[in-house]
Protein backbone atom coordinates (compact mmCIF):
# COMPACT_ATOMS: atom_id res chain seq x y z
CA UNK A 1 35.59 96.43 85.33
CA UNK A 2 38.95 98.09 85.99
CA UNK A 3 41.94 97.57 83.75
CA UNK A 4 44.61 95.30 85.27
CA UNK A 5 47.16 97.31 87.25
CA UNK A 6 50.84 96.56 87.56
CA UNK A 7 52.33 95.61 90.91
CA UNK A 8 55.53 97.20 92.22
CA UNK A 9 57.47 94.16 91.04
CA UNK A 10 55.88 94.42 87.59
CA UNK A 11 56.83 98.09 87.28
CA UNK A 12 60.44 97.22 87.97
CA UNK A 13 60.32 94.33 85.56
CA UNK A 14 58.81 96.39 82.76
CA UNK A 15 61.02 99.47 83.28
CA UNK A 16 62.70 100.05 79.91
CA UNK A 17 66.45 100.52 79.56
CA UNK A 18 67.47 103.03 78.45
CA UNK A 19 64.56 105.16 79.65
CA UNK A 20 63.21 108.11 77.70
CA UNK A 21 64.81 110.47 80.23
CA UNK A 22 68.19 108.76 79.83
CA UNK A 23 67.89 108.98 76.05
CA UNK A 24 67.04 112.71 76.20
CA UNK A 25 70.14 113.34 78.35
CA UNK A 26 72.46 111.25 76.17
CA UNK A 27 73.17 112.81 72.73
CA UNK A 28 74.42 109.52 71.26
CA UNK A 29 71.27 107.60 72.21
CA UNK A 30 68.98 110.49 71.26
CA UNK A 31 70.59 110.79 67.82
CA UNK A 32 70.08 107.06 67.27
CA UNK A 33 66.40 107.30 68.27
CA UNK A 34 65.73 110.34 66.08
CA UNK A 35 67.36 108.85 62.99
CA UNK A 36 65.62 105.50 63.57
CA UNK A 37 62.27 107.29 63.66
CA UNK A 38 63.10 109.02 60.37
CA UNK A 39 63.99 105.73 58.66
CA UNK A 40 60.75 104.12 59.84
CA UNK A 41 58.69 107.11 58.67
CA UNK A 42 60.19 106.85 55.19
CA UNK A 43 59.44 103.12 55.07
CA UNK A 44 55.88 103.64 56.31
CA UNK A 45 54.75 105.95 53.51
CA UNK A 46 54.56 103.56 50.52
CA UNK A 47 53.22 100.72 52.67
CA UNK A 48 50.47 102.88 54.21
CA UNK A 49 49.41 103.96 50.72
CA UNK A 50 49.44 100.35 49.47
CA UNK A 51 47.38 99.13 52.45
CA UNK A 52 44.84 101.90 51.85
CA UNK A 53 44.41 100.66 48.30
CA UNK A 54 43.94 97.08 49.57
CA UNK A 55 41.29 98.31 52.02
CA UNK A 56 39.55 100.26 49.26
CA UNK A 57 39.90 103.70 50.85
CA UNK A 58 41.73 106.95 50.08
CA UNK A 59 45.53 106.86 50.73
CA UNK A 60 45.01 109.52 53.37
CA UNK A 61 43.21 106.93 55.53
CA UNK A 62 46.32 104.77 55.75
CA UNK A 63 48.77 107.65 56.15
CA UNK A 64 46.75 109.46 58.83
CA UNK A 65 46.11 106.17 60.61
CA UNK A 66 49.83 105.44 60.69
CA UNK A 67 50.56 108.90 62.11
CA UNK A 68 47.87 108.77 64.81
CA UNK A 69 48.63 105.19 65.88
CA UNK A 70 52.42 105.63 66.00
CA UNK A 71 52.15 108.77 68.12
CA UNK A 72 49.47 107.43 70.47
CA UNK A 73 51.04 103.99 71.01
CA UNK A 74 54.31 105.74 71.94
CA UNK A 75 52.51 106.90 75.11
CA UNK A 76 49.99 104.06 75.60
CA UNK A 77 51.80 100.90 74.51
CA UNK A 78 53.51 98.34 76.71
CA UNK A 79 56.44 97.62 74.37
CA UNK A 80 58.91 100.51 73.85
CA UNK A 81 60.34 100.94 70.33
CA UNK A 82 57.57 98.89 68.70
CA UNK A 83 55.94 100.49 65.64
CA UNK A 84 52.16 100.49 65.24
CA UNK A 85 50.54 101.72 62.02
CA UNK A 86 48.20 100.71 59.20
CA UNK A 87 48.87 97.09 58.19
CA UNK A 88 48.04 94.72 55.37
CA UNK A 89 46.50 92.13 57.71
CA UNK A 90 43.96 94.66 59.00
CA UNK A 91 43.31 95.99 55.49
CA UNK A 92 42.44 92.50 54.25
CA UNK A 93 40.07 91.83 57.14
CA UNK A 94 37.96 95.00 56.82
CA UNK A 95 38.20 95.67 53.07
CA UNK A 96 34.71 94.14 52.45
CA UNK A 97 33.13 96.81 54.68
CA UNK A 98 34.42 99.71 52.56
CA UNK A 99 33.46 97.89 49.38
CA UNK A 100 29.94 96.89 50.38
CA UNK A 101 28.84 99.59 52.85
CA UNK A 102 30.98 102.70 52.30
CA UNK A 103 33.45 104.81 54.29
CA UNK A 104 31.18 105.63 57.25
CA UNK A 105 30.54 101.99 58.07
CA UNK A 106 34.26 101.32 57.50
CA UNK A 107 35.29 103.91 60.13
CA UNK A 108 32.57 102.66 62.50
CA UNK A 109 34.10 99.17 62.19
CA UNK A 110 37.53 100.54 63.14
CA UNK A 111 36.06 102.29 66.19
CA UNK A 112 34.22 99.16 67.34
CA UNK A 113 37.38 97.08 66.86
CA UNK A 114 39.16 99.45 69.22
CA UNK A 115 36.44 98.94 71.83
CA UNK A 116 36.68 95.15 71.41
CA UNK A 117 40.46 95.27 71.90
CA UNK A 118 40.08 97.23 75.14
CA UNK A 119 37.52 94.69 76.39
CA UNK A 120 39.78 91.78 75.42
CA UNK A 121 42.61 93.43 77.34
CA UNK A 122 40.37 93.76 80.41
CA UNK A 123 39.57 90.04 80.22
CA UNK A 124 43.26 89.12 80.08
CA UNK A 125 43.71 87.97 76.47
CA UNK A 126 47.42 88.85 76.69
CA UNK A 127 47.97 85.98 79.13
CA UNK A 128 47.21 83.53 76.30
CA UNK A 129 50.64 84.38 74.85
CA UNK A 130 52.22 81.93 77.27
CA UNK A 131 50.47 79.07 75.43
CA UNK A 132 52.22 79.79 72.12
CA UNK A 133 55.02 77.19 71.72
CA UNK A 134 58.50 78.15 70.58
CA UNK A 135 58.08 76.16 67.35
CA UNK A 136 55.06 78.32 66.43
CA UNK A 137 57.01 81.48 67.28
CA UNK A 138 59.90 80.40 65.03
CA UNK A 139 57.42 79.57 62.24
CA UNK A 140 55.75 82.96 62.74
CA UNK A 141 59.09 84.77 62.41
CA UNK A 142 60.19 82.80 59.35
CA UNK A 143 56.81 83.24 57.65
CA UNK A 144 56.97 86.94 58.37
CA UNK A 145 60.39 87.19 56.74
CA UNK A 146 59.07 85.37 53.67
CA UNK A 147 55.99 87.65 53.46
CA UNK A 148 58.16 90.77 53.75
CA UNK A 149 60.30 89.52 50.87
CA UNK A 150 57.26 88.47 48.80
CA UNK A 151 55.78 91.95 49.25
CA UNK A 152 58.86 93.38 47.48
CA UNK A 153 58.64 91.05 44.47
CA UNK A 154 55.99 93.14 42.60
CA UNK A 155 58.40 96.09 42.81
CA UNK A 156 61.02 93.99 40.99
CA UNK A 157 58.86 92.67 38.14
CA UNK A 158 58.12 94.60 34.97
CA UNK A 159 60.24 97.60 36.03
CA UNK A 160 63.09 99.49 34.29
CA UNK A 161 66.34 97.55 34.44
CA UNK A 162 68.03 100.32 36.47
CA UNK A 163 65.90 99.28 39.46
CA UNK A 164 68.09 96.21 39.94
CA UNK A 165 71.48 97.96 40.26
CA UNK A 166 69.89 100.55 42.58
CA UNK A 167 68.54 97.77 44.83
CA UNK A 168 71.94 96.05 44.75
CA UNK A 169 73.73 99.28 45.70
CA UNK A 170 71.27 99.84 48.52
CA UNK A 171 71.90 96.35 49.89
CA UNK A 172 75.69 96.74 49.68
CA UNK A 173 75.51 100.06 51.55
CA UNK A 174 73.52 98.44 54.38
CA UNK A 175 75.99 95.55 54.59
CA UNK A 176 79.16 97.69 54.76
CA UNK A 177 78.08 100.93 56.50
CA UNK A 178 77.73 99.25 59.96
CA UNK A 179 81.36 98.12 59.64
CA UNK A 180 82.38 101.79 59.31
CA UNK A 181 79.95 103.54 61.67
CA UNK A 182 76.77 102.79 63.62
CA UNK A 183 76.03 106.40 64.53
CA UNK A 184 73.73 106.84 61.51
CA UNK A 185 71.36 103.93 60.75
CA UNK A 186 72.49 102.09 57.64
CA UNK A 187 68.97 102.09 56.08
CA UNK A 188 68.88 105.92 56.24
CA UNK A 189 72.29 106.18 54.53
CA UNK A 190 71.11 103.72 51.89
CA UNK A 191 67.87 105.61 51.17
CA UNK A 192 69.69 108.96 50.97
CA UNK A 193 72.47 107.74 48.67
CA UNK A 194 70.20 105.76 46.32
CA UNK A 195 67.83 108.74 46.06
CA UNK A 196 70.74 111.09 45.38
CA UNK A 197 72.06 108.78 42.66
CA UNK A 198 68.64 108.60 40.98
CA UNK A 199 68.31 112.41 41.02
CA UNK A 200 71.89 113.27 39.97
CA UNK A 201 71.96 110.78 37.11
CA UNK A 202 68.28 111.37 36.15
CA UNK A 203 67.46 107.69 36.49
CA UNK A 204 63.82 107.10 35.61
CA UNK A 205 62.54 104.44 38.02
CA UNK A 206 59.28 104.05 40.03
CA UNK A 207 59.16 106.41 43.04
CA UNK A 208 57.08 106.82 46.18
CA UNK A 209 54.94 109.45 44.46
CA UNK A 210 53.79 106.86 41.94
CA UNK A 211 52.00 104.93 44.73
CA UNK A 212 49.37 107.61 45.23
CA UNK A 213 48.83 111.27 45.97
CA UNK A 214 50.19 112.44 49.32
CA UNK A 215 47.81 114.55 51.48
CA UNK A 216 48.48 118.27 51.86
CA UNK A 217 46.49 118.88 55.05
CA UNK A 218 46.37 117.69 58.66
CA UNK A 219 43.92 114.95 59.71
CA UNK A 220 40.51 116.19 60.88
CA UNK A 221 37.98 114.77 63.33
CA UNK A 222 35.67 112.30 61.60
CA UNK A 223 32.43 111.04 63.14
CA UNK A 224 30.91 108.26 61.00
CA UNK A 225 27.35 108.93 59.88
CA UNK A 226 25.76 105.55 60.64
CA UNK A 227 22.49 104.76 62.43
CA UNK A 228 23.09 103.64 66.03
CA UNK A 229 20.94 100.54 65.71
CA UNK A 230 21.24 96.81 66.28
CA UNK A 231 21.22 96.34 62.52
CA UNK A 232 24.36 98.47 62.17
CA UNK A 233 26.01 96.50 64.96
CA UNK A 234 25.27 93.15 63.31
CA UNK A 235 26.82 94.41 60.06
CA UNK A 236 30.09 95.72 61.48
CA UNK A 237 30.58 93.55 64.61
CA UNK A 238 31.91 90.40 62.84
CA UNK A 239 34.48 92.45 60.91
CA UNK A 240 35.36 94.49 64.01
CA UNK A 241 35.89 91.37 66.12
CA UNK A 242 38.05 89.77 63.42
CA UNK A 243 40.08 92.98 63.17
CA UNK A 244 40.49 93.14 66.95
CA UNK A 245 41.69 89.53 67.21
CA UNK A 246 44.05 89.70 64.22
CA UNK A 247 45.45 93.05 65.41
CA UNK A 248 46.02 91.86 68.97
CA UNK A 249 47.59 88.59 67.93
CA UNK A 250 49.98 90.27 65.51
CA UNK A 251 50.82 92.99 68.05
CA UNK A 252 51.45 90.58 70.93
CA UNK A 253 53.55 88.29 68.76
CA UNK A 254 55.58 91.30 67.62
CA UNK A 255 56.04 92.41 71.23
CA UNK A 256 57.27 88.93 72.13
CA UNK A 257 59.69 89.01 69.19
CA UNK A 258 61.09 92.40 70.29
CA UNK A 259 61.38 91.08 73.86
CA UNK A 260 63.61 88.31 72.53
CA UNK A 261 65.68 90.62 70.30
CA UNK A 262 66.29 93.18 73.06
CA UNK A 263 66.37 90.72 75.98
CA UNK A 264 63.80 92.83 77.88
CA UNK A 265 60.26 92.41 79.18
CA UNK A 266 57.14 94.22 77.99
CA UNK A 267 53.69 94.68 79.48
CA UNK A 268 51.44 92.71 77.13
CA UNK A 269 48.20 93.71 78.89
CA UNK A 270 49.07 97.39 78.57
CA UNK A 271 49.98 96.81 74.93
CA UNK A 272 46.58 95.18 74.35
CA UNK A 273 44.46 98.06 75.62
CA UNK A 274 46.93 100.57 74.15
CA UNK A 275 46.27 99.06 70.71
CA UNK A 276 42.54 99.44 71.33
CA UNK A 277 42.81 103.11 72.27
CA UNK A 278 45.13 103.76 69.31
CA UNK A 279 42.55 102.23 66.94
CA UNK A 280 39.82 104.35 68.51
CA UNK A 281 41.87 107.52 67.98
CA UNK A 282 42.73 106.41 64.44
CA UNK A 283 39.05 105.95 63.59
CA UNK A 284 38.12 109.33 65.08
CA UNK A 285 40.54 110.99 62.63
CA UNK A 286 39.35 109.00 59.62
CA UNK A 287 42.10 106.40 59.77
CA UNK A 288 41.80 102.77 58.68
CA UNK A 289 43.19 101.35 61.92
CA UNK A 290 46.05 98.92 62.25
CA UNK A 291 48.32 97.06 64.63
CA UNK A 292 52.01 96.48 65.31
CA UNK A 293 54.09 96.34 62.12
CA UNK A 294 56.74 93.67 62.38
CA UNK A 295 58.75 94.79 59.35
CA UNK A 296 58.98 98.43 60.46
CA UNK A 297 59.55 97.34 64.06
CA UNK A 298 62.52 95.26 62.93
CA UNK A 299 63.85 98.28 60.98
CA UNK A 300 63.53 100.33 64.15
CA UNK A 301 64.89 97.82 66.66
CA UNK A 302 67.26 95.59 64.72
CA UNK A 303 68.49 97.64 61.77
CA UNK A 304 68.55 101.05 63.48
CA UNK A 305 69.14 100.01 67.11
CA UNK A 306 66.29 102.02 68.65
CA UNK A 307 65.18 101.08 72.16
CA UNK A 308 62.83 103.79 73.49
CA UNK A 309 59.42 105.33 72.86
CA UNK A 310 61.12 108.36 71.31
CA UNK A 311 61.72 106.52 68.04
CA UNK A 312 58.08 105.39 67.87
CA UNK A 313 56.78 108.89 68.60
CA UNK A 314 59.10 110.52 66.08
CA UNK A 315 58.23 107.94 63.42
CA UNK A 316 54.67 109.29 63.57
CA UNK A 317 55.74 112.94 63.73
CA UNK A 318 58.22 112.57 60.87
CA UNK A 319 55.61 110.71 58.83
CA UNK A 320 53.17 113.62 59.08
CA UNK A 321 55.89 116.19 58.40
CA UNK A 322 57.19 114.25 55.40
CA UNK A 323 53.80 113.85 53.71
CA UNK A 324 52.38 117.31 54.50
CA UNK A 325 55.45 119.58 54.46
CA UNK A 326 58.03 117.65 52.43
CA UNK A 327 55.69 115.65 50.22
CA UNK A 328 57.35 116.77 46.99
CA UNK A 329 60.77 115.57 48.20
CA UNK A 330 59.46 112.27 49.57
CA UNK A 331 57.65 111.60 46.29
CA UNK A 332 60.97 111.36 44.40
CA UNK A 333 62.48 108.64 46.66
CA UNK A 334 62.94 105.58 44.40
CA UNK A 335 60.97 102.54 45.48
CA UNK A 336 64.21 100.62 44.87
CA UNK A 337 65.71 102.29 47.96
CA UNK A 338 62.84 101.13 50.18
CA UNK A 339 62.76 97.68 48.57
CA UNK A 340 66.44 97.24 49.48
CA UNK A 341 65.69 98.17 53.11
CA UNK A 342 62.82 95.69 53.33
CA UNK A 343 64.88 92.89 51.73
CA UNK A 344 67.57 93.46 54.34
CA UNK A 345 64.89 93.38 57.06
CA UNK A 346 63.59 90.10 55.61
CA UNK A 347 67.04 88.51 55.70
CA UNK A 348 67.66 89.76 59.24
CA UNK A 349 64.26 88.59 60.50
CA UNK A 350 64.49 85.00 59.24
CA UNK A 351 65.73 82.52 61.85
CA UNK A 352 68.46 80.87 59.76
CA UNK A 353 69.55 78.73 62.71
CA UNK A 354 66.17 76.95 62.62
CA UNK A 355 66.86 75.44 59.19
CA UNK A 356 70.48 74.42 59.67
CA UNK A 357 70.94 70.66 59.09
CA UNK A 358 72.53 70.30 62.54
CA UNK A 359 69.48 71.96 64.15
CA UNK A 360 67.02 69.86 62.18
CA UNK A 361 68.83 66.67 63.23
CA UNK A 362 68.65 67.57 66.93
CA UNK A 363 65.13 68.99 66.93
CA UNK A 364 62.22 66.58 67.52
CA UNK A 365 60.34 65.95 64.27
CA UNK A 366 57.09 67.19 65.83
CA UNK A 367 58.67 70.60 66.58
CA UNK A 368 59.96 70.95 63.03
CA UNK A 369 56.58 69.88 61.64
CA UNK A 370 54.77 72.56 63.66
CA UNK A 371 57.22 75.20 62.45
CA UNK A 372 56.83 74.19 58.80
CA UNK A 373 53.01 74.04 59.03
CA UNK A 374 52.90 77.50 60.62
CA UNK A 375 55.06 78.92 57.82
CA UNK A 376 53.03 77.18 55.10
CA UNK A 377 49.66 78.39 56.43
CA UNK A 378 50.85 81.98 56.89
CA UNK A 379 52.38 82.14 53.42
CA UNK A 380 49.31 80.51 51.83
CA UNK A 381 46.76 82.76 53.58
CA UNK A 382 48.92 85.89 53.95
CA UNK A 383 47.43 86.04 57.43
CA UNK A 384 49.81 85.75 60.39
CA UNK A 385 46.98 85.23 62.87
CA UNK A 386 45.54 82.23 60.99
CA UNK A 387 48.99 80.66 60.80
CA UNK A 388 49.56 81.08 64.54
CA UNK A 389 46.15 79.60 65.42
CA UNK A 390 46.73 76.59 63.16
CA UNK A 391 50.27 76.20 64.49
CA UNK A 392 49.10 76.24 68.12
CA UNK A 393 46.36 73.72 67.29
CA UNK A 394 48.80 71.33 65.58
CA UNK A 395 51.29 71.72 68.43
CA UNK A 396 48.53 70.96 70.95
CA UNK A 397 47.43 67.84 69.09
CA UNK A 398 51.01 66.60 68.88
CA UNK A 399 51.59 67.35 72.55
CA UNK A 400 48.46 65.45 73.58
CA UNK A 401 49.47 62.56 71.32
CA UNK A 402 52.92 62.50 72.89
CA UNK A 403 51.56 62.69 76.44
CA UNK A 404 49.10 59.88 75.74
CA UNK A 405 52.03 57.47 75.44
CA UNK A 406 53.78 58.66 78.60
CA UNK A 407 51.93 56.57 81.16
CA UNK A 408 53.25 53.31 82.51
CA UNK A 409 51.32 50.70 84.54
CA UNK A 410 53.32 47.97 86.28
CA UNK A 411 51.69 44.91 87.96
CA UNK A 412 53.16 42.96 90.85
CA UNK A 413 51.58 40.07 92.85
CA UNK A 414 52.53 40.07 96.54
CA UNK A 415 51.37 38.22 99.67
CA UNK A 416 50.20 39.74 102.94
CA UNK A 417 48.95 37.65 105.89
CA UNK A 418 48.72 34.67 103.57
CA UNK A 419 46.52 36.52 101.07
CA UNK A 420 47.57 37.42 97.56
CA UNK A 421 47.41 41.08 96.51
CA UNK A 422 47.66 42.63 93.03
CA UNK A 423 49.74 45.81 93.34
CA UNK A 424 49.61 48.21 90.38
CA UNK A 425 51.93 51.24 90.08
CA UNK A 426 50.67 53.96 87.74
CA UNK A 427 53.28 56.46 86.54
CA UNK A 428 52.70 59.55 84.37
CA UNK A 429 50.31 62.45 83.77
CA UNK A 430 46.70 61.28 83.67
CA UNK A 431 44.43 63.29 81.38
CA UNK A 432 41.87 62.47 78.70
CA UNK A 433 44.52 61.52 76.13
CA UNK A 434 46.28 59.03 78.36
CA UNK A 435 43.51 57.84 80.68
CA UNK A 436 41.29 56.56 77.86
CA UNK A 437 43.56 53.51 77.57
CA UNK A 438 44.03 53.18 81.33
CA UNK A 439 41.10 50.78 81.74
CA UNK A 440 42.74 48.28 79.36
CA UNK A 441 45.90 47.92 81.45
CA UNK A 442 44.45 45.81 84.31
CA UNK A 443 43.92 42.03 84.63
CA UNK A 444 40.37 42.07 86.04
CA UNK A 445 39.63 38.32 85.82
CA UNK A 446 43.07 37.02 86.78
CA UNK A 447 43.83 39.35 89.71
CA UNK A 448 43.32 38.20 93.34
CA UNK A 449 40.45 39.51 95.46
CA UNK A 450 42.35 42.55 96.73
CA UNK A 451 43.81 45.13 94.34
CA UNK A 452 45.92 48.17 95.25
CA UNK A 453 46.47 50.95 92.70
CA UNK A 454 49.39 53.20 93.66
CA UNK A 455 49.15 56.73 92.19
CA UNK A 456 52.19 58.18 93.97
CA UNK A 457 54.02 58.78 90.68
CA UNK A 458 51.06 60.13 88.75
CA UNK A 459 48.77 63.16 88.71
CA UNK A 460 45.06 63.41 87.86
CA UNK A 461 44.26 66.41 85.64
CA UNK A 462 40.68 66.01 84.44
CA UNK A 463 37.28 64.36 84.82
CA UNK A 464 38.13 61.78 82.12
CA UNK A 465 40.73 60.25 84.42
CA UNK A 466 38.34 60.16 87.39
CA UNK A 467 35.77 58.46 85.15
CA UNK A 468 38.42 55.92 84.04
CA UNK A 469 39.34 55.12 87.66
CA UNK A 470 35.64 54.75 88.53
CA UNK A 471 35.24 52.37 85.58
CA UNK A 472 38.20 50.29 86.79
CA UNK A 473 36.71 50.02 90.28
CA UNK A 474 33.34 49.06 88.78
CA UNK A 475 34.91 46.30 86.66
CA UNK A 476 36.68 44.83 89.70
CA UNK A 477 33.46 44.99 91.77
CA UNK A 478 31.69 43.03 89.02
CA UNK A 479 34.30 40.31 89.59
CA UNK A 480 33.70 40.47 93.36
CA UNK A 481 37.04 42.14 94.08
CA UNK A 482 37.95 45.24 96.12
CA UNK A 483 40.12 48.12 94.91
CA UNK A 484 42.12 50.57 97.02
CA UNK A 485 43.58 53.78 95.55
CA UNK A 486 46.68 54.95 97.42
CA UNK A 487 49.44 57.55 97.07
CA UNK A 488 47.35 60.41 95.65
CA UNK A 489 48.80 63.90 96.22
CA UNK A 490 46.73 66.64 97.85
CA UNK A 491 45.33 68.11 94.62
CA UNK A 492 44.56 64.69 93.15
CA UNK A 493 42.84 63.55 96.36
CA UNK A 494 40.55 66.58 96.46
CA UNK A 495 39.83 66.49 92.72
CA UNK A 496 39.05 62.77 92.77
CA UNK A 497 36.89 63.01 95.91
CA UNK A 498 34.80 65.79 94.38
CA UNK A 499 34.02 63.94 91.12
CA UNK A 500 34.15 60.22 91.86
CA UNK A 501 30.84 58.44 91.61
CA UNK A 502 29.12 61.38 89.94
CA UNK A 503 30.15 60.91 86.34
CA UNK A 504 27.52 58.40 85.28
CA UNK A 505 29.72 55.36 84.78
CA UNK A 506 27.77 53.09 87.09
CA UNK A 507 30.18 53.19 90.02
């Protein structure tokens, strides 16, 4: 089956502005992209090491994975300026494989997850994004901001007291530097100045090097030594499928978030199979796999102002250069500098408008409930995908409940040629939630012999409604009365004609 191709209209719609060519020709834009990539690379290092530890593998697996995925997604992805690398969500999902079966099975799981993501892209999983309500999206963003902040808390507990003033200085720099200049990203200035202060004044605080040893060599091709049997597949497939789904959901949600921030469109289908190929390449070089990183993407897009694939590509290149060539320098960067950057990202990511009293008063209670539940589930499980699924489910239930009360049946007795007629007007969307009560809204015993049901202002959506209408006709026939359905639109007429009488309700 061929991958979905973009039409001419799609290509115009997805064309990024500014383009890579424009950025290369414009020194101001190029400088911004290069510096943004450097900031992201610095922020990626401690996180990649931490995620490797969570997954139970060597730090090199997370660092090499981040390099390979950032570079490859810069060419393959459908969302310019989005950062893909090793992530905590993926680490949590596949950690049991490394623990119980070893590194070879772990890498095989990453490779299979990449294949699954490509297949899901082929079958159009990206189109499901349109079914995610705004309230879930807001909850997703707010939960993400909370998780980013929570991830910094361990770096602020049980540490030397000088960590706190360094974090405070870093935050102040990022608040005031944009008021002076936006040529150099504020996070980069903050990291440089805080690091310089720690070195000049010999301040002894936790540094990047304390997270784990940085690799001194380039990544090498890694083919997992696992038997190609059904037994192997049954071991790794559940973890690979979970990784594929979590990775795609987080990546597509991040792409949607960047679309909103930049007011541009992105090709979600391309992003889906691009993520799959990036995971395949990551696995082939011994990486732990990953997906889009919302925190680093927000550093890149919101804090640094990057807009093109150049920043994503250079984030990967700088990452490799920093850990292999400049590892000794990177190792002395205080964690306080990076904590300050991530706190600022957390504050900037949170949708403060969503919790304003004026907003809460205007917003329907069901929308606010969905947002709060999404946040609560994500924070409780530390899994963005689970929170989104639960949020969509709750939103769906509330929508169905709301729709079920949006039908109206009005009865009117008229006379025609001296005969009395019961004329019912049905108004609203008829589906399983609303049509279940439809049969109770008619006066079967008291109505005259002829009954007209006018469906001009309604629409039939499912078999439950057809079954309900059949049941109504059957009840009237049992009373020796005739029923006439009128006013159905073209779709409703065809749908009703195809199913009526064949649903086992005795009509």
